[in-house]
């Protein structure tokens, strides 16, 4: 392992994992009588993700943060925007029809975040701006795939999020977009800590928070790197792992078993990584 790889793993994987783990353990010690069951299911994981990602951002890119809102800063901010959007969707769903507000929130985020990330490319009239339609379309289709067979906040949903995160990190590394790889790994480290230490399924706001950051990462890779487009398209099929794993179940409410979902996650992710490696040709990140 070279010094650069060791530094990347320390800053972007180990640091957010440890920090997120400390937050999750502290929340467990306080128990449901501290923040309350609903508050703990939202606040602790959201704080763990935010703290892990921001810590990695500061370790990798320095303090104070650059005042100009770059693509990598927008990726971090997208996680916070996703959390706010998720809170609004969940709050509205308690007072009116869930489907209407959920659809409005998802459409707003699916279109707004890629446009925000891709605004400089649009202003410059770059031809790759046409790729903006891909992450938006994926985000609009994802709920129909993601919430069937793999409940959004359960272990199965976390496995899908972790697989997407790992795949994006590897694709970014092969594309020499190390800053994007660092941010992807930071989200993966925080999600891994939540998977290992979290007791309750993730609440909808935390799921939307993670999905918003993944959406921003995908958009940035499409527009501002040499990431392999076929690899990203293949990786996107991981979102349907829950539906694919549960395709043989007769009952629509049946939950697909973890091993089957894991296989349906790992196979397309491995294929996407292989495609990214082939498309990268002779590379060196040193």
C-alpha atoms as a PDB file:
ATOM      1  CA  UNK A   1       0.000   0.000   0.000  1.00  0.00           C
ATOM      2  CA  UNK A   2       1.485   3.327  -1.055  1.00  0.00           C
ATOM      3  CA  UNK A   3       1.532   6.440   1.136  1.00  0.00           C
ATOM      4  CA  UNK A   4      -1.173   8.150  -0.931  1.00  0.00           C
ATOM      5  CA  UNK A   5      -3.525   5.167  -0.647  1.00  0.00           C
ATOM      6  CA  UNK A   6      -2.912   4.959   3.098  1.00  0.00           C
ATOM      7  CA  UNK A   7      -3.610   8.659   3.509  1.00  0.00           C
ATOM      8  CA  UNK A   8      -6.792   8.384   1.462  1.00  0.00           C
ATOM      9  CA  UNK A   9      -8.062   5.459   3.518  1.00  0.00           C
ATOM     10  CA  UNK A  10      -7.230   7.232   6.769  1.00  0.00           C
ATOM     11  CA  UNK A  11      -8.905  10.519   5.831  1.00  0.00           C
ATOM     12  CA  UNK A  12     -11.823   9.301   3.814  1.00  0.00           C
ATOM     13  CA  UNK A  13     -12.755   5.947   5.329  1.00  0.00           C
ATOM     14  CA  UNK A  14     -11.326   5.433   8.803  1.00  0.00           C
ATOM     15  CA  UNK A  15     -11.903   8.980  10.105  1.00  0.00           C
ATOM     16  CA  UNK A  16     -15.615   9.176   9.169  1.00  0.00           C
ATOM     17  CA  UNK A  17     -16.161   5.595  10.335  1.00  0.00           C
ATOM     18  CA  UNK A  18     -14.702   6.313  13.776  1.00  0.00           C
ATOM     19  CA  UNK A  19     -16.450   9.662  14.141  1.00  0.00           C
ATOM     20  CA  UNK A  20     -19.813   8.302  12.994  1.00  0.00           C
ATOM     21  CA  UNK A  21     -19.351   5.287  15.246  1.00  0.00           C
ATOM     22  CA  UNK A  22     -18.733   7.495  18.277  1.00  0.00           C
ATOM     23  CA  UNK A  23     -21.893   9.449  17.533  1.00  0.00           C
ATOM     24  CA  UNK A  24     -23.955   6.284  17.118  1.00  0.00           C
ATOM     25  CA  UNK A  25     -22.575   4.771  20.342  1.00  0.00           C
ATOM     26  CA  UNK A  26     -23.284   7.993  22.236  1.00  0.00           C
ATOM     27  CA  UNK A  27     -26.859   7.948  20.950  1.00  0.00           C
ATOM     28  CA  UNK A  28     -27.190   4.325  22.066  1.00  0.00           C
ATOM     29  CA  UNK A  29     -25.960   5.191  25.563  1.00  0.00           C
ATOM     30  CA  UNK A  30     -28.528   7.971  25.865  1.00  0.00           C
ATOM     31  CA  UNK A  31     -31.189   5.536  24.721  1.00  0.00           C
ATOM     32  CA  UNK A  32     -34.751   6.254  23.619  1.00  0.00           C
ATOM     33  CA  UNK A  33     -35.396   8.371  26.716  1.00  0.00           C
ATOM     34  CA  UNK A  34     -32.937  11.017  25.588  1.00  0.00           C
ATOM     35  CA  UNK A  35     -33.831  12.273  22.130  1.00  0.00           C
ATOM     36  CA  UNK A  36     -36.894  10.083  21.838  1.00  0.00           C
ATOM     37  CA  UNK A  37     -37.263   7.139  19.492  1.00  0.00           C
ATOM     38  CA  UNK A  38     -38.237   9.225  16.459  1.00  0.00           C
ATOM     39  CA  UNK A  39     -35.682  11.930  17.183  1.00  0.00           C
ATOM     40  CA  UNK A  40     -32.905   9.400  17.779  1.00  0.00           C
ATOM     41  CA  UNK A  41     -33.670   7.559  14.528  1.00  0.00           C
ATOM     42  CA  UNK A  42     -33.243  10.806  12.610  1.00  0.00           C
ATOM     43  CA  UNK A  43     -30.783  12.935  14.565  1.00  0.00           C
ATOM     44  CA  UNK A  44     -28.087  10.392  15.410  1.00  0.00           C
ATOM     45  CA  UNK A  45     -27.608   8.887  11.895  1.00  0.00           C
ATOM     46  CA  UNK A  46     -27.966  12.289  10.222  1.00  0.00           C
ATOM     47  CA  UNK A  47     -25.376  13.785  12.559  1.00  0.00           C
ATOM     48  CA  UNK A  48     -23.112  10.778  12.007  1.00  0.00           C
ATOM     49  CA  UNK A  49     -23.220  11.201   8.227  1.00  0.00           C
ATOM     50  CA  UNK A  50     -22.818  14.977   8.348  1.00  0.00           C
ATOM     51  CA  UNK A  51     -19.937  14.819  10.837  1.00  0.00           C
ATOM     52  CA  UNK A  52     -18.132  12.076   8.915  1.00  0.00           C
ATOM     53  CA  UNK A  53     -18.443  13.778   5.543  1.00  0.00           C
ATOM     54  CA  UNK A  54     -17.517  17.246   6.819  1.00  0.00           C
ATOM     55  CA  UNK A  55     -14.553  15.878   8.788  1.00  0.00           C
ATOM     56  CA  UNK A  56     -13.210  14.162   5.679  1.00  0.00           C
ATOM     57  CA  UNK A  57     -13.764  17.309   3.631  1.00  0.00           C
ATOM     58  CA  UNK A  58     -11.722  19.379   6.096  1.00  0.00           C
ATOM     59  CA  UNK A  59      -8.982  16.759   6.444  1.00  0.00           C
ATOM     60  CA  UNK A  60      -8.628  16.332   2.686  1.00  0.00           C
ATOM     61  CA  UNK A  61      -9.082  19.890   1.473  1.00  0.00           C
ATOM     62  CA  UNK A  62      -8.026  21.960   4.460  1.00  0.00           C
ATOM     63  CA  UNK A  63      -9.393  24.668   6.715  1.00  0.00           C
ATOM     64  CA  UNK A  64     -10.897  27.163   6.261  1.00  0.00           C
ATOM     65  CA  UNK A  65     -13.165  25.859   3.506  1.00  0.00           C
ATOM     66  CA  UNK A  66     -12.871  27.620   0.168  1.00  0.00           C
ATOM     67  CA  UNK A  67     -15.509  30.326  -0.042  1.00  0.00           C
ATOM     68  CA  UNK A  68     -16.291  29.559  -3.675  1.00  0.00           C
ATOM     69  CA  UNK A  69     -18.928  26.847  -3.902  1.00  0.00           C
ATOM     70  CA  UNK A  70     -17.117  24.224  -5.961  1.00  0.00           C
ATOM     71  CA  UNK A  71     -18.576  20.939  -7.166  1.00  0.00           C
ATOM     72  CA  UNK A  72     -17.117  19.047  -4.207  1.00  0.00           C
ATOM     73  CA  UNK A  73     -18.535  21.602  -1.763  1.00  0.00           C
ATOM     74  CA  UNK A  74     -21.924  21.238  -3.434  1.00  0.00           C
ATOM     75  CA  UNK A  75     -21.699  17.476  -2.943  1.00  0.00           C
ATOM     76  CA  UNK A  76     -21.341  17.967   0.814  1.00  0.00           C
ATOM     77  CA  UNK A  77     -24.083  20.583   0.891  1.00  0.00           C
ATOM     78  CA  UNK A  78     -26.361  18.264  -1.094  1.00  0.00           C
ATOM     79  CA  UNK A  79     -26.401  15.873   1.863  1.00  0.00           C
ATOM     80  CA  UNK A  80     -27.688  18.673   4.105  1.00  0.00           C
ATOM     81  CA  UNK A  81     -30.236  19.704   1.475  1.00  0.00           C
ATOM     82  CA  UNK A  82     -31.375  16.094   1.228  1.00  0.00           C
ATOM     83  CA  UNK A  83     -31.870  15.923   4.994  1.00  0.00           C
ATOM     84  CA  UNK A  84     -33.975  19.095   4.988  1.00  0.00           C
ATOM     85  CA  UNK A  85     -35.971  17.826   2.032  1.00  0.00           C
ATOM     86  CA  UNK A  86     -36.521  14.489   3.758  1.00  0.00           C
ATOM     87  CA  UNK A  87     -37.705  16.205   6.932  1.00  0.00           C
ATOM     88  CA  UNK A  88     -40.179  18.267   4.929  1.00  0.00           C
ATOM     89  CA  UNK A  89     -41.499  15.212   3.115  1.00  0.00           C
ATOM     90  CA  UNK A  90     -41.877  13.260   6.343  1.00  0.00           C
ATOM     91  CA  UNK A  91     -43.482  16.180   8.180  1.00  0.00           C
ATOM     92  CA  UNK A  92     -45.987  16.814   5.419  1.00  0.00           C
ATOM     93  CA  UNK A  93     -46.779  13.115   5.150  1.00  0.00           C
ATOM     94  CA  UNK A  94     -48.099  13.142   8.709  1.00  0.00           C
ATOM     95  CA  UNK A  95     -50.707  15.775   7.879  1.00  0.00           C
ATOM     96  CA  UNK A  96     -51.789  14.981   4.356  1.00  0.00           C
ATOM     97  CA  UNK A  97     -51.453  12.351   1.689  1.00  0.00           C
ATOM     98  CA  UNK A  98     -47.981  10.854   1.725  1.00  0.00           C
ATOM     99  CA  UNK A  99     -47.837  10.027  -1.966  1.00  0.00           C
ATOM    100  CA  UNK A 100     -48.453  13.597  -3.142  1.00  0.00           C
ATOM    101  CA  UNK A 101     -45.807  15.229  -0.958  1.00  0.00           C
ATOM    102  CA  UNK A 102     -43.293  12.439  -1.386  1.00  0.00           C
ATOM    103  CA  UNK A 103     -43.606  12.699  -5.157  1.00  0.00           C
ATOM    104  CA  UNK A 104     -43.215  16.486  -5.059  1.00  0.00           C
ATOM    105  CA  UNK A 105     -40.145  16.286  -2.819  1.00  0.00           C
ATOM    106  CA  UNK A 106     -38.470  13.576  -4.862  1.00  0.00           C
ATOM    107  CA  UNK A 107     -39.079  15.388  -8.140  1.00  0.00           C
ATOM    108  CA  UNK A 108     -37.722  18.630  -6.685  1.00  0.00           C
ATOM    109  CA  UNK A 109     -34.548  16.969  -5.437  1.00  0.00           C
ATOM    110  CA  UNK A 110     -34.067  14.755  -8.476  1.00  0.00           C
ATOM    111  CA  UNK A 111     -34.139  17.719 -10.841  1.00  0.00           C
ATOM    112  CA  UNK A 112     -32.804  20.498  -8.625  1.00  0.00           C
ATOM    113  CA  UNK A 113     -29.624  18.882  -7.305  1.00  0.00           C
ATOM    114  CA  UNK A 114     -28.211  17.836 -10.717  1.00  0.00           C
ATOM    115  CA  UNK A 115     -29.059  21.262 -12.151  1.00  0.00           C
ATOM    116  CA  UNK A 116     -27.295  22.950  -9.238  1.00  0.00           C
ATOM    117  CA  UNK A 117     -24.205  20.756  -9.632  1.00  0.00           C
ATOM    118  CA  UNK A 118     -24.192  21.174 -13.403  1.00  0.00           C
ATOM    119  CA  UNK A 119     -24.894  24.922 -13.489  1.00  0.00           C
ATOM    120  CA  UNK A 120     -21.325  25.902 -14.503  1.00  0.00           C
ATOM    121  CA  UNK A 121     -21.371  23.383 -17.357  1.00  0.00           C
ATOM    122  CA  UNK A 122     -24.757  24.678 -18.490  1.00  0.00           C
ATOM    123  CA  UNK A 123     -23.573  28.286 -18.393  1.00  0.00           C
ATOM    124  CA  UNK A 124     -20.531  27.391 -20.495  1.00  0.00           C
ATOM    125  CA  UNK A 125     -22.700  25.498 -22.983  1.00  0.00           C
ATOM    126  CA  UNK A 126     -20.628  22.346 -22.650  1.00  0.00           C
ATOM    127  CA  UNK A 127     -22.048  19.396 -24.644  1.00  0.00           C
ATOM    128  CA  UNK A 128     -21.710  17.018 -21.695  1.00  0.00           C
ATOM    129  CA  UNK A 129     -24.457  19.042 -19.999  1.00  0.00           C
ATOM    130  CA  UNK A 130     -26.844  16.702 -21.791  1.00  0.00           C
ATOM    131  CA  UNK A 131     -25.772  14.035 -19.299  1.00  0.00           C
ATOM    132  CA  UNK A 132     -27.760  15.892 -16.627  1.00  0.00           C
ATOM    133  CA  UNK A 133     -30.820  13.976 -17.743  1.00  0.00           C
ATOM    134  CA  UNK A 134     -29.250  10.667 -16.632  1.00  0.00           C
ATOM    135  CA  UNK A 135     -28.958  11.255 -12.853  1.00  0.00           C
ATOM    136  CA  UNK A 136     -32.324  13.003 -12.786  1.00  0.00           C
ATOM    137  CA  UNK A 137     -33.985  10.092 -14.585  1.00  0.00           C
ATOM    138  CA  UNK A 138     -32.298   7.593 -12.270  1.00  0.00           C
ATOM    139  CA  UNK A 139     -33.426   9.524  -9.202  1.00  0.00           C
ATOM    140  CA  UNK A 140     -37.002   9.657 -10.460  1.00  0.00           C
ATOM    141  CA  UNK A 141     -37.096   5.932 -11.210  1.00  0.00           C
ATOM    142  CA  UNK A 142     -35.203   4.870  -8.072  1.00  0.00           C
ATOM    143  CA  UNK A 143     -38.107   5.007  -5.564  1.00  0.00           C
ATOM    144  CA  UNK A 144     -40.132   2.479  -7.550  1.00  0.00           C
ATOM    145  CA  UNK A 145     -37.136   0.130  -7.470  1.00  0.00           C
ATOM    146  CA  UNK A 146     -35.593   0.967  -4.128  1.00  0.00           C
ATOM    147  CA  UNK A 147     -38.661   0.725  -1.902  1.00  0.00           C
ATOM    148  CA  UNK A 148     -39.768  -2.629  -3.303  1.00  0.00           C
ATOM    149  CA  UNK A 149     -38.066  -5.664  -1.822  1.00  0.00           C
ATOM    150  CA  UNK A 150     -35.497  -3.621   0.151  1.00  0.00           C
ATOM    151  CA  UNK A 151     -37.082  -1.342   2.770  1.00  0.00           C
ATOM    152  CA  UNK A 152     -35.506   2.080   2.592  1.00  0.00           C
ATOM    153  CA  UNK A 153     -34.059   2.255   6.073  1.00  0.00           C
ATOM    154  CA  UNK A 154     -33.449  -1.435   6.842  1.00  0.00           C
ATOM    155  CA  UNK A 155     -30.336  -3.532   6.415  1.00  0.00           C
ATOM    156  CA  UNK A 156     -31.198  -4.261   2.801  1.00  0.00           C
ATOM    157  CA  UNK A 157     -31.555  -0.582   1.958  1.00  0.00           C
ATOM    158  CA  UNK A 158     -28.255   0.202   3.680  1.00  0.00           C
ATOM    159  CA  UNK A 159     -26.532  -2.519   1.670  1.00  0.00           C
ATOM    160  CA  UNK A 160     -27.746  -0.916  -1.550  1.00  0.00           C
ATOM    161  CA  UNK A 161     -26.554   2.535  -0.424  1.00  0.00           C
ATOM    162  CA  UNK A 162     -23.167   1.128   0.633  1.00  0.00           C
ATOM    163  CA  UNK A 163     -22.732  -0.711  -2.661  1.00  0.00           C
ATOM    164  CA  UNK A 164     -23.546   2.412  -4.657  1.00  0.00           C
ATOM    165  CA  UNK A 165     -21.093   4.417  -2.543  1.00  0.00           C
ATOM    166  CA  UNK A 166     -18.267   1.911  -2.958  1.00  0.00           C
ATOM    167  CA  UNK A 167     -18.900   1.658  -6.695  1.00  0.00           C
ATOM    168  CA  UNK A 168     -18.828   5.424  -7.177  1.00  0.00           C
ATOM    169  CA  UNK A 169     -15.603   5.673  -5.163  1.00  0.00           C
ATOM    170  CA  UNK A 170     -13.852   3.065  -7.313  1.00  0.00           C
ATOM    171  CA  UNK A 171     -15.122   4.555 -10.574  1.00  0.00           C
ATOM    172  CA  UNK A 172     -13.956   8.009  -9.431  1.00  0.00           C
ATOM    173  CA  UNK A 173     -10.522   6.631  -8.509  1.00  0.00           C
ATOM    174  CA  UNK A 174     -10.095   5.015 -11.932  1.00  0.00           C
ATOM    175  CA  UNK A 175     -11.147   8.326 -13.516  1.00  0.00           C
ATOM    176  CA  UNK A 176      -8.444  10.099 -11.446  1.00  0.00           C
ATOM    177  CA  UNK A 177     -11.160  12.172  -9.761  1.00  0.00           C
ATOM    178  CA  UNK A 178      -9.683  11.606  -6.316  1.00  0.00           C
ATOM    179  CA  UNK A 179     -11.578  14.436  -4.637  1.00  0.00           C
ATOM    180  CA  UNK A 180     -14.872  12.786  -5.605  1.00  0.00           C
ATOM    181  CA  UNK A 181     -13.554   9.378  -4.526  1.00  0.00           C
ATOM    182  CA  UNK A 182     -12.660  10.819  -1.120  1.00  0.00           C
ATOM    183  CA  UNK A 183     -16.173  12.178  -0.598  1.00  0.00           C
ATOM    184  CA  UNK A 184     -17.764   8.913  -1.713  1.00  0.00           C
ATOM    185  CA  UNK A 185     -15.626   6.952   0.737  1.00  0.00           C
ATOM    186  CA  UNK A 186     -16.520   9.348   3.555  1.00  0.00           C
ATOM    187  CA  UNK A 187     -20.214   8.619   3.044  1.00  0.00           C
ATOM    188  CA  UNK A 188     -19.425   4.908   2.864  1.00  0.00           C
ATOM    189  CA  UNK A 189     -17.492   5.018   6.132  1.00  0.00           C
ATOM    190  CA  UNK A 190     -20.354   6.755   7.935  1.00  0.00           C
ATOM    191  CA  UNK A 191     -22.958   4.353   6.494  1.00  0.00           C
ATOM    192  CA  UNK A 192     -20.834   1.375   7.510  1.00  0.00           C
ATOM    193  CA  UNK A 193     -20.710   2.623  11.106  1.00  0.00           C
ATOM    194  CA  UNK A 194     -24.487   3.110  11.078  1.00  0.00           C
ATOM    195  CA  UNK A 195     -24.978  -0.401   9.695  1.00  0.00           C
ATOM    196  CA  UNK A 196     -22.810  -1.904  12.439  1.00  0.00           C
ATOM    197  CA  UNK A 197     -24.016   0.168  15.388  1.00  0.00           C
ATOM    198  CA  UNK A 198     -27.503   1.391  14.530  1.00  0.00           C
ATOM    199  CA  UNK A 199     -30.395  -0.357  16.248  1.00  0.00           C
ATOM    200  CA  UNK A 200     -33.348   1.176  14.418  1.00  0.00           C
ATOM    201  CA  UNK A 201     -33.951   1.289  10.650  1.00  0.00           C
ATOM    202  CA  UNK A 202     -32.959   4.580   9.100  1.00  0.00           C
ATOM    203  CA  UNK A 203     -35.717   7.156   8.957  1.00  0.00           C
ATOM    204  CA  UNK A 204     -36.779   8.553   5.587  1.00  0.00           C
ATOM    205  CA  UNK A 205     -34.915  11.894   6.044  1.00  0.00           C
ATOM    206  CA  UNK A 206     -31.599  10.081   6.538  1.00  0.00           C
ATOM    207  CA  UNK A 207     -32.196   7.880   3.491  1.00  0.00           C
ATOM    208  CA  UNK A 208     -32.964  10.956   1.377  1.00  0.00           C
ATOM    209  CA  UNK A 209     -29.852  12.627   2.813  1.00  0.00           C
ATOM    210  CA  UNK A 210     -27.634   9.754   1.630  1.00  0.00           C
ATOM    211  CA  UNK A 211     -29.405   9.487  -1.717  1.00  0.00           C
ATOM    212  CA  UNK A 212     -29.009  13.225  -2.359  1.00  0.00           C
ATOM    213  CA  UNK A 213     -25.255  13.024  -1.825  1.00  0.00           C
ATOM    214  CA  UNK A 214     -25.006   9.991  -4.114  1.00  0.00           C
ATOM    215  CA  UNK A 215     -27.006  11.885  -6.745  1.00  0.00           C
ATOM    216  CA  UNK A 216     -24.661  14.856  -6.483  1.00  0.00           C
ATOM    217  CA  UNK A 217     -21.600  12.596  -6.722  1.00  0.00           C
ATOM    218  CA  UNK A 218     -22.931  10.869  -9.821  1.00  0.00           C
ATOM    219  CA  UNK A 219     -23.697  14.200 -11.479  1.00  0.00           C
ATOM    220  CA  UNK A 220     -20.241  15.576 -10.694  1.00  0.00           C
ATOM    221  CA  UNK A 221     -18.563  12.457 -12.078  1.00  0.00           C
ATOM    222  CA  UNK A 222     -20.562  12.697 -15.305  1.00  0.00           C
ATOM    223  CA  UNK A 223     -19.800  16.370 -15.885  1.00  0.00           C
ATOM    224  CA  UNK A 224     -16.408  17.052 -14.314  1.00  0.00           C
ATOM    225  CA  UNK A 225     -14.393  13.868 -14.709  1.00  0.00           C
ATOM    226  CA  UNK A 226     -13.464  11.180 -17.196  1.00  0.00           C
ATOM    227  CA  UNK A 227     -15.566   8.596 -15.383  1.00  0.00           C
ATOM    228  CA  UNK A 228     -16.729   5.710 -17.548  1.00  0.00           C
ATOM    229  CA  UNK A 229     -20.329   6.271 -18.622  1.00  0.00           C
ATOM    230  CA  UNK A 230     -20.997   2.535 -19.190  1.00  0.00           C
ATOM    231  CA  UNK A 231     -19.644   1.802 -15.706  1.00  0.00           C
ATOM    232  CA  UNK A 232     -21.979   4.373 -14.141  1.00  0.00           C
ATOM    233  CA  UNK A 233     -24.943   2.978 -16.079  1.00  0.00           C
ATOM    234  CA  UNK A 234     -24.193  -0.562 -14.935  1.00  0.00           C
ATOM    235  CA  UNK A 235     -23.714   0.603 -11.348  1.00  0.00           C
ATOM    236  CA  UNK A 236     -27.112   2.280 -11.484  1.00  0.00           C
ATOM    237  CA  UNK A 237     -28.764  -1.139 -11.795  1.00  0.00           C
ATOM    238  CA  UNK A 238     -27.825  -1.750  -8.151  1.00  0.00           C
ATOM    239  CA  UNK A 239     -30.824   0.410  -7.259  1.00  0.00           C
ATOM    240  CA  UNK A 240     -33.047  -2.410  -8.488  1.00  0.00           C
ATOM    241  CA  UNK A 241     -31.333  -5.091  -6.398  1.00  0.00           C
ATOM    242  CA  UNK A 242     -34.240  -5.297  -3.968  1.00  0.00           C
ATOM    243  CA  UNK A 243     -36.810  -5.757  -6.703  1.00  0.00           C
ATOM    244  CA  UNK A 244     -34.624  -8.248  -8.570  1.00  0.00           C
ATOM    245  CA  UNK A 245     -33.920 -10.258  -5.425  1.00  0.00           C
ATOM    246  CA  UNK A 246     -37.611 -10.362  -4.561  1.00  0.00           C
ATOM    247  CA  UNK A 247     -38.806 -11.136  -8.082  1.00  0.00           C
ATOM    248  CA  UNK A 248     -39.391 -14.781  -7.246  1.00  0.00           C
ATOM    249  CA  UNK A 249     -41.580 -14.008  -4.217  1.00  0.00           C
ATOM    250  CA  UNK A 250     -45.274 -14.243  -4.873  1.00  0.00           C
ATOM    251  CA  UNK A 251     -46.285 -11.779  -2.146  1.00  0.00           C
ATOM    252  CA  UNK A 252     -45.586  -8.100  -2.995  1.00  0.00           C
ATOM    253  CA  UNK A 253     -45.015  -7.427   0.717  1.00  0.00           C
ATOM    254  CA  UNK A 254     -42.373 -10.140   1.036  1.00  0.00           C
ATOM    255  CA  UNK A 255     -38.887  -8.969   1.937  1.00  0.00           C
ATOM    256  CA  UNK A 256     -36.034 -10.370  -0.090  1.00  0.00           C
ATOM    257  CA  UNK A 257     -33.413 -12.181   2.032  1.00  0.00           C
ATOM    258  CA  UNK A 258     -30.163 -10.367   2.736  1.00  0.00           C
ATOM    259  CA  UNK A 259     -27.863 -12.851   0.912  1.00  0.00           C
ATOM    260  CA  UNK A 260     -29.931 -12.625  -2.268  1.00  0.00           C
ATOM    261  CA  UNK A 261     -29.956  -8.809  -2.189  1.00  0.00           C
ATOM    262  CA  UNK A 262     -26.223  -8.803  -1.491  1.00  0.00           C
ATOM    263  CA  UNK A 263     -25.544 -10.945  -4.555  1.00  0.00           C
ATOM    264  CA  UNK A 264     -27.770  -8.685  -6.683  1.00  0.00           C
ATOM    265  CA  UNK A 265     -25.766  -5.700  -5.399  1.00  0.00           C
ATOM    266  CA  UNK A 266     -22.278  -7.106  -5.750  1.00  0.00           C
ATOM    267  CA  UNK A 267     -22.545  -8.577  -9.251  1.00  0.00           C
ATOM    268  CA  UNK A 268     -23.432  -5.327 -11.090  1.00  0.00           C
ATOM    269  CA  UNK A 269     -21.091  -3.344  -8.843  1.00  0.00           C
ATOM    270  CA  UNK A 270     -18.192  -5.665  -9.673  1.00  0.00           C
ATOM    271  CA  UNK A 271     -19.063  -5.450 -13.377  1.00  0.00           C
ATOM    272  CA  UNK A 272     -19.135  -1.643 -13.178  1.00  0.00           C
ATOM    273  CA  UNK A 273     -15.729  -1.555 -11.470  1.00  0.00           C
ATOM    274  CA  UNK A 274     -14.273  -3.875 -14.107  1.00  0.00           C
ATOM    275  CA  UNK A 275     -15.653  -1.712 -16.914  1.00  0.00           C
ATOM    276  CA  UNK A 276     -14.239   1.411 -15.255  1.00  0.00           C
ATOM    277  CA  UNK A 277     -10.837  -0.240 -14.940  1.00  0.00           C
ATOM    278  CA  UNK A 278     -10.828  -1.322 -18.591  1.00  0.00           C
ATOM    279  CA  UNK A 279     -11.944   2.111 -19.809  1.00  0.00           C
ATOM    280  CA  UNK A 280      -9.273   3.817 -17.707  1.00  0.00           C
ATOM    281  CA  UNK A 281      -6.474   2.092 -19.596  1.00  0.00           C
ATOM    282  CA  UNK A 282      -2.950   2.449 -18.159  1.00  0.00           C
ATOM    283  CA  UNK A 283      -3.359   4.616 -15.061  1.00  0.00           C
ATOM    284  CA  UNK A 284      -1.399   5.836 -12.099  1.00  0.00           C
ATOM    285  CA  UNK A 285      -2.768   7.835  -9.191  1.00  0.00           C
ATOM    286  CA  UNK A 286       0.653   8.515  -7.698  1.00  0.00           C
END
